[in-house]
Amino acid sequence: MTVEGIGRQLDGNIDRALGVFALILKVTRGAMERAFTIPMSRARCSSFAGIFVCMIALFGCAGRRPVISSAPPVVNPAPAPELTPEPAPTQPLPSPSAAQPPTGSAPSAPSIYVEQGTASWYGLPFHGRRAANGEIFDMNTLVAAHRTLPFGSILRVTNLNNGRQIEVRVIDRGPFVGDRVLDLARAAAIGLDMIGTGTAPVRIEMLSGPSPSVGNFTVQVGAFTDRTNAERLRERLLARYQPIFIQDFDAPNGHFYRVRVGRVPNPDAAQHLAAQLRNADGFQTFVVRLDQTSDLGDK
């Protein structure tokens, strides 16, 4: 039963009690009037006393209404455990959108090494010959030649003319022609749709491999089919640059003697040396990684 129902029931009980009280009061008044005029016997006095006590009891019951509280019982909660403050993050938390996987239009992640320049491709007559890293060159595989990146490096190459991309592995050294920065096997050139043009502007991104900045580097200033010419150039440069090496190279179109200047510990120093040789002496220079002692050739 609700609190409101209980209150209505009590109000009804009180009204009935007041009616009974009024009736008793009327009878009592008559009895008192007779008591003052007629001598009371001991039995009548006892009856009068009993009636008076009942009247007082009824008056007390009618005058007091129980108080019903609608408030819920108060429960003392158990003390909460002490919380250890969470350490503040060192970086901002990612937004919900940052947790979504990247879409196809999302920019590429930063690469270890990025370079732009002109790429060419090669096949016959190099097909089946030994590459600079020792393995047999197969023009139908996704491999390439680069002058300074370590052997085994995985490169993503993008043709800037059409946006096509392909991944290749570095196994050879080159190219040593003009401003070209990469020589691709024929299969890679087909993937980039550059067979017909022969060359294309490309972006090179190194995805994996040894650090491109660790190693020894030199600067190539000339290549001759006659060793005498190579010796003459070396003698001319010895007064200003040391060491100077002559390296033998057996190419499909003949045997060459490459003249290389210096041995420096990083690409930046090699580029500085190349600029000095180019500006002071007018050489066409190529910075080359020294992969093994034999690359130095004869002093």
C-alpha atoms as a PDB file:
ATOM      1  CA  MET A   1       0.000   0.000   0.000  1.00  0.00           C
ATOM      2  CA  THR A   2       1.292   3.484  -0.840  1.00  0.00           C
ATOM      3  CA  VAL A   3       1.882   6.286   1.617  1.00  0.00           C
ATOM      4  CA  GLU A   4      -1.086   8.194   0.193  1.00  0.00           C
ATOM      5  CA  GLY A   5      -3.425   5.199   0.772  1.00  0.00           C
ATOM      6  CA  ILE A   6      -2.252   4.759   4.340  1.00  0.00           C
ATOM      7  CA  GLY A   7      -2.940   8.454   5.035  1.00  0.00           C
ATOM      8  CA  ARG A   8      -6.518   8.208   3.726  1.00  0.00           C
ATOM      9  CA  GLN A   9      -7.191   5.111   5.901  1.00  0.00           C
ATOM     10  CA  LEU A  10      -5.905   6.895   9.028  1.00  0.00           C
ATOM     11  CA  ASP A  11      -8.076   9.938   8.296  1.00  0.00           C
ATOM     12  CA  GLY A  12     -11.152   7.654   8.197  1.00  0.00           C
ATOM     13  CA  ASN A  13     -10.226   5.992  11.485  1.00  0.00           C
ATOM     14  CA  ILE A  14      -9.769   9.382  13.156  1.00  0.00           C
ATOM     15  CA  ASP A  15     -13.201  10.599  11.968  1.00  0.00           C
ATOM     16  CA  ARG A  16     -14.899   7.501  13.411  1.00  0.00           C
ATOM     17  CA  ALA A  17     -12.971   7.902  16.691  1.00  0.00           C
ATOM     18  CA  LEU A  18     -14.102  11.533  16.974  1.00  0.00           C
ATOM     19  CA  GLY A  19     -17.733  10.459  16.488  1.00  0.00           C
ATOM     20  CA  VAL A  20     -17.457   7.885  19.261  1.00  0.00           C
ATOM     21  CA  PHE A  21     -15.760  10.473  21.443  1.00  0.00           C
ATOM     22  CA  ALA A  22     -18.603  12.941  20.931  1.00  0.00           C
ATOM     23  CA  LEU A  23     -21.153  10.263  21.899  1.00  0.00           C
ATOM     24  CA  ILE A  24     -19.202   9.319  25.037  1.00  0.00           C
ATOM     25  CA  LEU A  25     -18.859  12.997  25.953  1.00  0.00           C
ATOM     26  CA  LYS A  26     -22.600  13.452  25.721  1.00  0.00           C
ATOM     27  CA  VAL A  27     -23.297  10.404  27.914  1.00  0.00           C
ATOM     28  CA  THR A  28     -20.626  11.495  30.375  1.00  0.00           C
ATOM     29  CA  ARG A  29     -22.092  14.979  30.647  1.00  0.00           C
ATOM     30  CA  GLY A  30     -25.469  13.508  31.547  1.00  0.00           C
ATOM     31  CA  ALA A  31     -23.925  11.196  34.099  1.00  0.00           C
ATOM     32  CA  MET A  32     -22.039  14.071  35.739  1.00  0.00           C
ATOM     33  CA  GLU A  33     -25.173  16.141  35.991  1.00  0.00           C
ATOM     34  CA  ARG A  34     -26.958  13.281  37.773  1.00  0.00           C
ATOM     35  CA  ALA A  35     -23.912  12.742  39.973  1.00  0.00           C
ATOM     36  CA  PHE A  36     -24.153  16.246  41.353  1.00  0.00           C
ATOM     37  CA  THR A  37     -27.840  15.907  42.098  1.00  0.00           C
ATOM     38  CA  ILE A  38     -28.099  12.288  43.233  1.00  0.00           C
ATOM     39  CA  PRO A  39     -25.744  10.694  45.758  1.00  0.00           C
ATOM     40  CA  MET A  40     -23.437   8.234  44.060  1.00  0.00           C
ATOM     41  CA  SER A  41     -22.930   4.735  45.267  1.00  0.00           C
ATOM     42  CA  ARG A  42     -19.534   3.091  45.169  1.00  0.00           C
ATOM     43  CA  ALA A  43     -20.535   1.016  42.103  1.00  0.00           C
ATOM     44  CA  ARG A  44     -21.718   4.141  40.234  1.00  0.00           C
ATOM     45  CA  CYS A  45     -18.432   5.917  41.001  1.00  0.00           C
ATOM     46  CA  SER A  46     -16.499   2.981  39.671  1.00  0.00           C
ATOM     47  CA  SER A  47     -18.568   3.067  36.471  1.00  0.00           C
ATOM     48  CA  PHE A  48     -17.941   6.760  36.104  1.00  0.00           C
ATOM     49  CA  ALA A  49     -14.183   6.314  36.608  1.00  0.00           C
ATOM     50  CA  GLY A  50     -14.082   3.585  33.960  1.00  0.00           C
ATOM     51  CA  ILE A  51     -15.921   5.749  31.465  1.00  0.00           C
ATOM     52  CA  PHE A  52     -13.530   8.648  32.151  1.00  0.00           C
ATOM     53  CA  VAL A  53     -10.461   6.457  31.544  1.00  0.00           C
ATOM     54  CA  CYS A  54     -11.868   5.194  28.223  1.00  0.00           C
ATOM     55  CA  MET A  55     -12.555   8.778  27.188  1.00  0.00           C
ATOM     56  CA  ILE A  56      -8.971   9.779  27.884  1.00  0.00           C
ATOM     57  CA  ALA A  57      -7.634   6.783  25.926  1.00  0.00           C
ATOM     58  CA  LEU A  58      -9.821   7.548  22.930  1.00  0.00           C
ATOM     59  CA  PHE A  59      -8.859  11.193  23.046  1.00  0.00           C
ATOM     60  CA  GLY A  60      -5.187  10.262  23.042  1.00  0.00           C
ATOM     61  CA  CYS A  61      -5.639   7.900  20.052  1.00  0.00           C
ATOM     62  CA  ALA A  62      -7.633  10.446  18.095  1.00  0.00           C
ATOM     63  CA  GLY A  63      -5.227  13.288  18.748  1.00  0.00           C
ATOM     64  CA  ARG A  64      -2.072  11.593  17.514  1.00  0.00           C
ATOM     65  CA  ARG A  65      -1.596  10.714  13.864  1.00  0.00           C
ATOM     66  CA  PRO A  66       1.319   8.489  12.879  1.00  0.00           C
ATOM     67  CA  VAL A  67       4.018  10.176  10.804  1.00  0.00           C
ATOM     68  CA  ILE A  68       4.921   8.199   7.697  1.00  0.00           C
ATOM     69  CA  SER A  69       8.094   9.213   5.937  1.00  0.00           C
ATOM     70  CA  SER A  70       8.423   8.680   2.215  1.00  0.00           C
ATOM     71  CA  ALA A  71      12.231   9.115   2.286  1.00  0.00           C
ATOM     72  CA  PRO A  72      14.215   5.888   1.681  1.00  0.00           C
ATOM     73  CA  PRO A  73      16.254   4.500   4.552  1.00  0.00           C
ATOM     74  CA  VAL A  74      19.669   6.038   4.897  1.00  0.00           C
ATOM     75  CA  VAL A  75      22.421   3.543   4.123  1.00  0.00           C
ATOM     76  CA  ASN A  76      25.964   4.481   4.953  1.00  0.00           C
ATOM     77  CA  PRO A  77      28.018   3.592   1.862  1.00  0.00           C
ATOM     78  CA  ALA A  78      31.217   1.655   2.218  1.00  0.00           C
ATOM     79  CA  PRO A  79      34.292   3.841   1.838  1.00  0.00           C
ATOM     80  CA  ALA A  80      35.486   3.949  -1.793  1.00  0.00           C
ATOM     81  CA  PRO A  81      38.956   2.523  -2.461  1.00  0.00           C
ATOM     82  CA  GLU A  82      41.679   5.057  -3.026  1.00  0.00           C
ATOM     83  CA  LEU A  83      42.485   5.526  -6.730  1.00  0.00           C
ATOM     84  CA  THR A  84      46.032   5.887  -7.980  1.00  0.00           C
ATOM     85  CA  PRO A  85      46.228   8.835 -10.391  1.00  0.00           C
ATOM     86  CA  GLU A  86      46.792   7.682 -13.979  1.00  0.00           C
ATOM     87  CA  PRO A  87      50.047   9.058 -15.430  1.00  0.00           C
ATOM     88  CA  ALA A  88      49.506  11.788 -17.971  1.00  0.00           C
ATOM     89  CA  PRO A  89      50.246  10.603 -21.523  1.00  0.00           C
ATOM     90  CA  THR A  90      53.383  11.981 -23.125  1.00  0.00           C
ATOM     91  CA  GLN A  91      51.537  12.393 -26.446  1.00  0.00           C
ATOM     92  CA  PRO A  92      47.955  13.405 -27.247  1.00  0.00           C
ATOM     93  CA  LEU A  93      45.559  10.496 -27.440  1.00  0.00           C
ATOM     94  CA  PRO A  94      44.482   9.683 -30.995  1.00  0.00           C
ATOM     95  CA  SER A  95      41.074  10.820 -32.137  1.00  0.00           C
ATOM     96  CA  PRO A  96      38.534   8.144 -33.175  1.00  0.00           C
ATOM     97  CA  SER A  97      39.256   8.896 -36.842  1.00  0.00           C
ATOM     98  CA  ALA A  98      42.973   8.266 -36.304  1.00  0.00           C
ATOM     99  CA  ALA A  99      42.220   4.680 -35.304  1.00  0.00           C
ATOM    100  CA  GLN A 100      40.679   3.937 -38.705  1.00  0.00           C
ATOM    101  CA  PRO A 101      42.833   2.103 -41.219  1.00  0.00           C
ATOM    102  CA  PRO A 102      44.439   4.295 -43.885  1.00  0.00           C
ATOM    103  CA  THR A 103      42.592   4.604 -47.164  1.00  0.00           C
ATOM    104  CA  GLY A 104      44.041   4.229 -50.633  1.00  0.00           C
ATOM    105  CA  SER A 105      44.399   7.984 -50.946  1.00  0.00           C
ATOM    106  CA  ALA A 106      46.370   8.325 -47.709  1.00  0.00           C
ATOM    107  CA  PRO A 107      49.918   9.668 -48.156  1.00  0.00           C
ATOM    108  CA  SER A 108      52.815   7.226 -47.970  1.00  0.00           C
ATOM    109  CA  ALA A 109      54.688   6.831 -44.720  1.00  0.00           C
ATOM    110  CA  PRO A 110      58.053   8.581 -44.561  1.00  0.00           C
ATOM    111  CA  SER A 111      60.767   6.428 -46.165  1.00  0.00           C
ATOM    112  CA  ILE A 112      64.381   5.874 -45.114  1.00  0.00           C
ATOM    113  CA  TYR A 113      65.694   7.524 -48.280  1.00  0.00           C
ATOM    114  CA  VAL A 114      63.970   9.555 -51.000  1.00  0.00           C
ATOM    115  CA  GLU A 115      65.449  10.699 -54.295  1.00  0.00           C
ATOM    116  CA  GLN A 116      64.120  12.077 -57.555  1.00  0.00           C
ATOM    117  CA  GLY A 117      65.771  11.943 -60.951  1.00  0.00           C
ATOM    118  CA  THR A 118      65.823  10.151 -64.277  1.00  0.00           C
ATOM    119  CA  ALA A 119      65.636   6.362 -64.538  1.00  0.00           C
ATOM    120  CA  SER A 120      66.654   4.214 -67.488  1.00  0.00           C
ATOM    121  CA  TRP A 121      66.407   0.476 -68.096  1.00  0.00           C
ATOM    122  CA  TYR A 122      68.753  -2.254 -69.275  1.00  0.00           C
ATOM    123  CA  GLY A 123      68.405  -5.810 -70.553  1.00  0.00           C
ATOM    124  CA  LEU A 124      70.467  -7.289 -73.365  1.00  0.00           C
ATOM    125  CA  PRO A 125      73.450  -7.556 -73.566  1.00  0.00           C
ATOM    126  CA  PHE A 126      73.755  -7.541 -69.736  1.00  0.00           C
ATOM    127  CA  HIS A 127      71.251 -10.390 -69.360  1.00  0.00           C
ATOM    128  CA  GLY A 128      73.006 -13.483 -67.975  1.00  0.00           C
ATOM    129  CA  ARG A 129      76.118 -11.587 -66.879  1.00  0.00           C
ATOM    130  CA  ARG A 130      77.291 -11.242 -63.295  1.00  0.00           C
ATOM    131  CA  ALA A 131      76.011  -8.164 -61.455  1.00  0.00           C
ATOM    132  CA  ALA A 132      78.113  -6.110 -59.045  1.00  0.00           C
ATOM    133  CA  ASN A 133      76.849  -8.039 -56.004  1.00  0.00           C
ATOM    134  CA  GLY A 134      77.913 -11.366 -57.550  1.00  0.00           C
ATOM    135  CA  GLU A 135      74.553 -12.779 -58.659  1.00  0.00           C
ATOM    136  CA  ILE A 136      73.563 -13.351 -62.285  1.00  0.00           C
ATOM    137  CA  PHE A 137      71.535 -10.497 -63.749  1.00  0.00           C
ATOM    138  CA  ASP A 138      68.124 -11.567 -65.064  1.00  0.00           C
ATOM    139  CA  MET A 139      66.375  -8.825 -66.991  1.00  0.00           C
ATOM    140  CA  ASN A 140      63.001 -10.501 -66.364  1.00  0.00           C
ATOM    141  CA  THR A 141      63.156  -9.953 -62.588  1.00  0.00           C
ATOM    142  CA  LEU A 142      62.420  -6.860 -60.507  1.00  0.00           C
ATOM    143  CA  VAL A 143      65.983  -5.716 -59.822  1.00  0.00           C
ATOM    144  CA  ALA A 144      67.902  -2.497 -60.380  1.00  0.00           C
ATOM    145  CA  ALA A 145      71.249  -0.755 -60.292  1.00  0.00           C
ATOM    146  CA  HIS A 146      71.997   2.254 -58.078  1.00  0.00           C
ATOM    147  CA  ARG A 147      75.332   3.950 -57.460  1.00  0.00           C
ATOM    148  CA  THR A 148      75.202   4.457 -53.678  1.00  0.00           C
ATOM    149  CA  LEU A 149      72.370   2.465 -52.045  1.00  0.00           C
ATOM    150  CA  PRO A 150      73.452  -0.799 -50.372  1.00  0.00           C
ATOM    151  CA  PHE A 151      72.937  -4.127 -52.096  1.00  0.00           C
ATOM    152  CA  GLY A 152      69.668  -5.753 -51.038  1.00  0.00           C
ATOM    153  CA  SER A 153      67.851  -2.457 -50.548  1.00  0.00           C
ATOM    154  CA  ILE A 154      64.162  -2.602 -51.459  1.00  0.00           C
ATOM    155  CA  LEU A 155      63.030   0.465 -53.396  1.00  0.00           C
ATOM    156  CA  ARG A 156      59.594   1.710 -54.381  1.00  0.00           C
ATOM    157  CA  VAL A 157      59.916   3.455 -57.739  1.00  0.00           C
ATOM    158  CA  THR A 158      57.169   5.783 -59.000  1.00  0.00           C
ATOM    159  CA  ASN A 159      56.968   6.886 -62.615  1.00  0.00           C
ATOM    160  CA  LEU A 160      56.144  10.581 -62.244  1.00  0.00           C
ATOM    161  CA  ASN A 161      54.694  10.677 -65.764  1.00  0.00           C
ATOM    162  CA  ASN A 162      51.881   8.218 -65.086  1.00  0.00           C
ATOM    163  CA  GLY A 163      51.901   7.485 -61.338  1.00  0.00           C
ATOM    164  CA  ARG A 164      52.650   3.778 -61.763  1.00  0.00           C
ATOM    165  CA  GLN A 165      54.709   2.152 -59.000  1.00  0.00           C
ATOM    166  CA  ILE A 166      56.844  -0.953 -58.624  1.00  0.00           C
ATOM    167  CA  GLU A 167      59.252  -2.368 -56.026  1.00  0.00           C
ATOM    168  CA  VAL A 168      62.757  -3.480 -56.967  1.00  0.00           C
ATOM    169  CA  ARG A 169      65.858  -4.873 -55.237  1.00  0.00           C
ATOM    170  CA  VAL A 170      69.307  -3.307 -55.699  1.00  0.00           C
ATOM    171  CA  ILE A 171      71.912  -5.796 -57.026  1.00  0.00           C
ATOM    172  CA  ASP A 172      74.120  -3.689 -59.314  1.00  0.00           C
ATOM    173  CA  ARG A 173      75.996  -0.394 -59.625  1.00  0.00           C
ATOM    174  CA  GLY A 174      75.103   2.305 -62.133  1.00  0.00           C
ATOM    175  CA  PRO A 175      74.056   4.077 -64.200  1.00  0.00           C
ATOM    176  CA  PHE A 176      77.123   6.057 -65.261  1.00  0.00           C
ATOM    177  CA  VAL A 177      75.397   8.173 -67.889  1.00  0.00           C
ATOM    178  CA  GLY A 178      74.497  11.842 -67.589  1.00  0.00           C
ATOM    179  CA  ASP A 179      72.053  12.731 -64.797  1.00  0.00           C
ATOM    180  CA  ARG A 180      70.449   9.288 -64.483  1.00  0.00           C
ATOM    181  CA  VAL A 181      70.019   7.977 -60.930  1.00  0.00           C
ATOM    182  CA  LEU A 182      68.620   4.462 -61.465  1.00  0.00           C
ATOM    183  CA  ASP A 183      68.901   1.616 -63.968  1.00  0.00           C
ATOM    184  CA  LEU A 184      65.938  -0.776 -63.975  1.00  0.00           C
ATOM    185  CA  ALA A 185      65.771  -4.320 -65.284  1.00  0.00           C
ATOM    186  CA  ARG A 186      63.498  -4.728 -68.298  1.00  0.00           C
ATOM    187  CA  ALA A 187      60.705  -6.332 -66.222  1.00  0.00           C
ATOM    188  CA  ALA A 188      60.619  -3.324 -63.889  1.00  0.00           C
ATOM    189  CA  ALA A 189      60.557  -0.932 -66.857  1.00  0.00           C
ATOM    190  CA  ILE A 190      57.549  -2.821 -68.251  1.00  0.00           C
ATOM    191  CA  GLY A 191      55.774  -2.411 -64.894  1.00  0.00           C
ATOM    192  CA  LEU A 192      56.354   1.343 -65.024  1.00  0.00           C
ATOM    193  CA  ASP A 193      55.333   1.564 -68.698  1.00  0.00           C
ATOM    194  CA  MET A 194      58.617   3.168 -69.766  1.00  0.00           C
ATOM    195  CA  ILE A 195      59.942   0.642 -72.288  1.00  0.00           C
ATOM    196  CA  GLY A 196      59.058   2.817 -75.263  1.00  0.00           C
ATOM    197  CA  THR A 197      60.455   6.059 -73.856  1.00  0.00           C
ATOM    198  CA  GLY A 198      63.658   4.463 -72.546  1.00  0.00           C
ATOM    199  CA  THR A 199      63.846   6.905 -69.627  1.00  0.00           C
ATOM    200  CA  ALA A 200      61.354   8.494 -67.235  1.00  0.00           C
ATOM    201  CA  PRO A 201      61.358  10.907 -64.281  1.00  0.00           C
ATOM    202  CA  VAL A 202      60.984   8.859 -61.105  1.00  0.00           C
ATOM    203  CA  ARG A 203      60.762   9.137 -57.332  1.00  0.00           C
ATOM    204  CA  ILE A 204      62.802   6.542 -55.424  1.00  0.00           C
ATOM    205  CA  GLU A 205      61.797   5.582 -51.863  1.00  0.00           C
ATOM    206  CA  MET A 206      63.909   3.135 -49.886  1.00  0.00           C
ATOM    207  CA  LEU A 207      61.553   0.818 -47.993  1.00  0.00           C
ATOM    208  CA  SER A 208      64.072  -1.482 -46.306  1.00  0.00           C
ATOM    209  CA  GLY A 209      67.739  -2.405 -46.267  1.00  0.00           C
ATOM    210  CA  PRO A 210      71.006  -1.383 -44.615  1.00  0.00           C
ATOM    211  CA  SER A 211      71.533   2.258 -43.723  1.00  0.00           C
ATOM    212  CA  PRO A 212      72.304   4.246 -46.885  1.00  0.00           C
ATOM    213  CA  SER A 213      74.625   6.594 -44.966  1.00  0.00           C
ATOM    214  CA  VAL A 214      76.942   3.934 -43.524  1.00  0.00           C
ATOM    215  CA  GLY A 215      79.941   2.825 -45.594  1.00  0.00           C
ATOM    216  CA  ASN A 216      82.757   4.204 -47.694  1.00  0.00           C
ATOM    217  CA  PHE A 217      82.305   6.287 -50.824  1.00  0.00           C
ATOM    218  CA  THR A 218      84.447   7.518 -53.712  1.00  0.00           C
ATOM    219  CA  VAL A 219      84.038   9.773 -56.747  1.00  0.00           C
ATOM    220  CA  GLN A 220      84.432   8.460 -60.283  1.00  0.00           C
ATOM    221  CA  VAL A 221      85.877  11.084 -62.686  1.00  0.00           C
ATOM    222  CA  GLY A 222      86.494   9.079 -65.840  1.00  0.00           C
ATOM    223  CA  ALA A 223      86.398   5.701 -67.623  1.00  0.00           C
ATOM    224  CA  PHE A 224      88.796   4.781 -70.441  1.00  0.00           C
ATOM    225  CA  THR A 225      89.267   1.831 -72.772  1.00  0.00           C
ATOM    226  CA  ASP A 226      92.980   2.612 -72.834  1.00  0.00           C
ATOM    227  CA  ARG A 227      94.733   2.189 -69.496  1.00  0.00           C
ATOM    228  CA  THR A 228      97.401   4.743 -70.493  1.00  0.00           C
ATOM    229  CA  ASN A 229      94.805   7.503 -70.513  1.00  0.00           C
ATOM    230  CA  ALA A 230      93.604   6.440 -67.062  1.00  0.00           C
ATOM    231  CA  GLU A 231      97.202   6.510 -65.749  1.00  0.00           C
ATOM    232  CA  ARG A 232      97.770   9.957 -67.211  1.00  0.00           C
ATOM    233  CA  LEU A 233      94.679  11.358 -65.474  1.00  0.00           C
ATOM    234  CA  ARG A 234      95.690   9.857 -62.179  1.00  0.00           C
ATOM    235  CA  GLU A 235      99.151  11.427 -62.363  1.00  0.00           C
ATOM    236  CA  ARG A 236      97.615  14.816 -63.063  1.00  0.00           C
ATOM    237  CA  LEU A 237      95.320  14.659 -60.045  1.00  0.00           C
ATOM    238  CA  LEU A 238      97.753  13.159 -57.510  1.00  0.00           C
ATOM    239  CA  ALA A 239      99.202  16.560 -56.646  1.00  0.00           C
ATOM    240  CA  ARG A 240      95.835  17.691 -55.199  1.00  0.00           C
ATOM    241  CA  TYR A 241      93.829  14.556 -54.369  1.00  0.00           C
ATOM    242  CA  GLN A 242      94.711  11.316 -52.650  1.00  0.00           C
ATOM    243  CA  PRO A 243      94.156   8.462 -52.849  1.00  0.00           C
ATOM    244  CA  ILE A 244      93.356   7.904 -56.544  1.00  0.00           C
ATOM    245  CA  PHE A 245      92.484   4.420 -57.840  1.00  0.00           C
ATOM    246  CA  ILE A 246      92.068   2.760 -61.234  1.00  0.00           C
ATOM    247  CA  GLN A 247      89.437   0.027 -61.333  1.00  0.00           C
ATOM    248  CA  ASP A 248      89.109  -2.557 -64.111  1.00  0.00           C
ATOM    249  CA  PHE A 249      85.584  -3.197 -65.394  1.00  0.00           C
ATOM    250  CA  ASP A 250      84.626  -5.802 -67.963  1.00  0.00           C
ATOM    251  CA  ALA A 251      81.519  -4.512 -69.788  1.00  0.00           C
ATOM    252  CA  PRO A 252      79.596  -6.177 -72.638  1.00  0.00           C
ATOM    253  CA  ASN A 253      80.959  -3.564 -75.044  1.00  0.00           C
ATOM    254  CA  GLY A 254      84.588  -3.756 -73.911  1.00  0.00           C
ATOM    255  CA  HIS A 255      87.030  -3.488 -71.043  1.00  0.00           C
ATOM    256  CA  PHE A 256      87.159  -0.185 -69.156  1.00  0.00           C
ATOM    257  CA  TYR A 257      89.510   1.482 -66.664  1.00  0.00           C
ATOM    258  CA  ARG A 258      87.658   3.650 -64.185  1.00  0.00           C
ATOM    259  CA  VAL A 259      89.481   6.465 -62.388  1.00  0.00           C
ATOM    260  CA  ARG A 260      88.167   7.074 -58.854  1.00  0.00           C
ATOM    261  CA  VAL A 261      89.229   9.787 -56.421  1.00  0.00           C
ATOM    262  CA  GLY A 262      89.167   9.662 -52.622  1.00  0.00           C
ATOM    263  CA  ARG A 263      87.682   7.400 -49.978  1.00  0.00           C
ATOM    264  CA  VAL A 264      85.298   9.186 -47.616  1.00  0.00           C
ATOM    265  CA  PRO A 265      83.059   7.834 -44.820  1.00  0.00           C
ATOM    266  CA  ASN A 266      79.652   9.220 -45.796  1.00  0.00           C
ATOM    267  CA  PRO A 267      77.642  10.358 -48.841  1.00  0.00           C
ATOM    268  CA  ASP A 268      77.685  14.050 -47.873  1.00  0.00           C
ATOM    269  CA  ALA A 269      81.479  14.163 -47.834  1.00  0.00           C
ATOM    270  CA  ALA A 270      81.520  12.363 -51.173  1.00  0.00           C
ATOM    271  CA  GLN A 271      79.102  14.877 -52.695  1.00  0.00           C
ATOM    272  CA  HIS A 272      81.280  17.723 -51.429  1.00  0.00           C
ATOM    273  CA  LEU A 273      84.345  16.132 -53.049  1.00  0.00           C
ATOM    274  CA  ALA A 274      82.414  15.580 -56.289  1.00  0.00           C
ATOM    275  CA  ALA A 275      81.367  19.235 -56.397  1.00  0.00           C
ATOM    276  CA  GLN A 276      84.975  20.303 -55.867  1.00  0.00           C
ATOM    277  CA  LEU A 277      86.211  18.079 -58.734  1.00  0.00           C
ATOM    278  CA  ARG A 278      83.392  19.227 -60.994  1.00  0.00           C
ATOM    279  CA  ASN A 279      83.817  22.946 -60.364  1.00  0.00           C
ATOM    280  CA  ALA A 280      87.615  23.101 -60.280  1.00  0.00           C
ATOM    281  CA  ASP A 281      88.460  20.627 -63.034  1.00  0.00           C
ATOM    282  CA  GLY A 282      85.287  20.315 -65.104  1.00  0.00           C
ATOM    283  CA  PHE A 283      84.835  16.567 -64.596  1.00  0.00           C
ATOM    284  CA  GLN A 284      81.546  14.747 -64.957  1.00  0.00           C
ATOM    285  CA  THR A 285      81.476  13.093 -61.546  1.00  0.00           C
ATOM    286  CA  PHE A 286      79.590  10.126 -60.050  1.00  0.00           C
ATOM    287  CA  VAL A 287      79.513   9.353 -56.322  1.00  0.00           C
ATOM    288  CA  VAL A 288      79.840   5.568 -55.878  1.00  0.00           C
ATOM    289  CA  ARG A 289      79.630   3.290 -52.853  1.00  0.00           C
ATOM    290  CA  LEU A 290      82.708   1.150 -52.237  1.00  0.00           C
ATOM    291  CA  ASP A 291      81.260  -2.310 -51.614  1.00  0.00           C
ATOM    292  CA  GLN A 292      84.569  -4.153 -51.139  1.00  0.00           C
ATOM    293  CA  THR A 293      88.312  -3.526 -51.259  1.00  0.00           C
ATOM    294  CA  SER A 294      88.519  -4.698 -54.883  1.00  0.00           C
ATOM    295  CA  ASP A 295      86.360  -1.705 -55.927  1.00  0.00           C
ATOM    296  CA  LEU A 296      89.398   0.481 -55.300  1.00  0.00           C
ATOM    297  CA  GLY A 297      91.461  -1.253 -57.952  1.00  0.00           C
ATOM    298  CA  ASP A 298      95.128  -0.393 -58.313  1.00  0.00           C
ATOM    299  CA  LYS A 299      96.668   2.736 -56.841  1.00  0.00           C
END
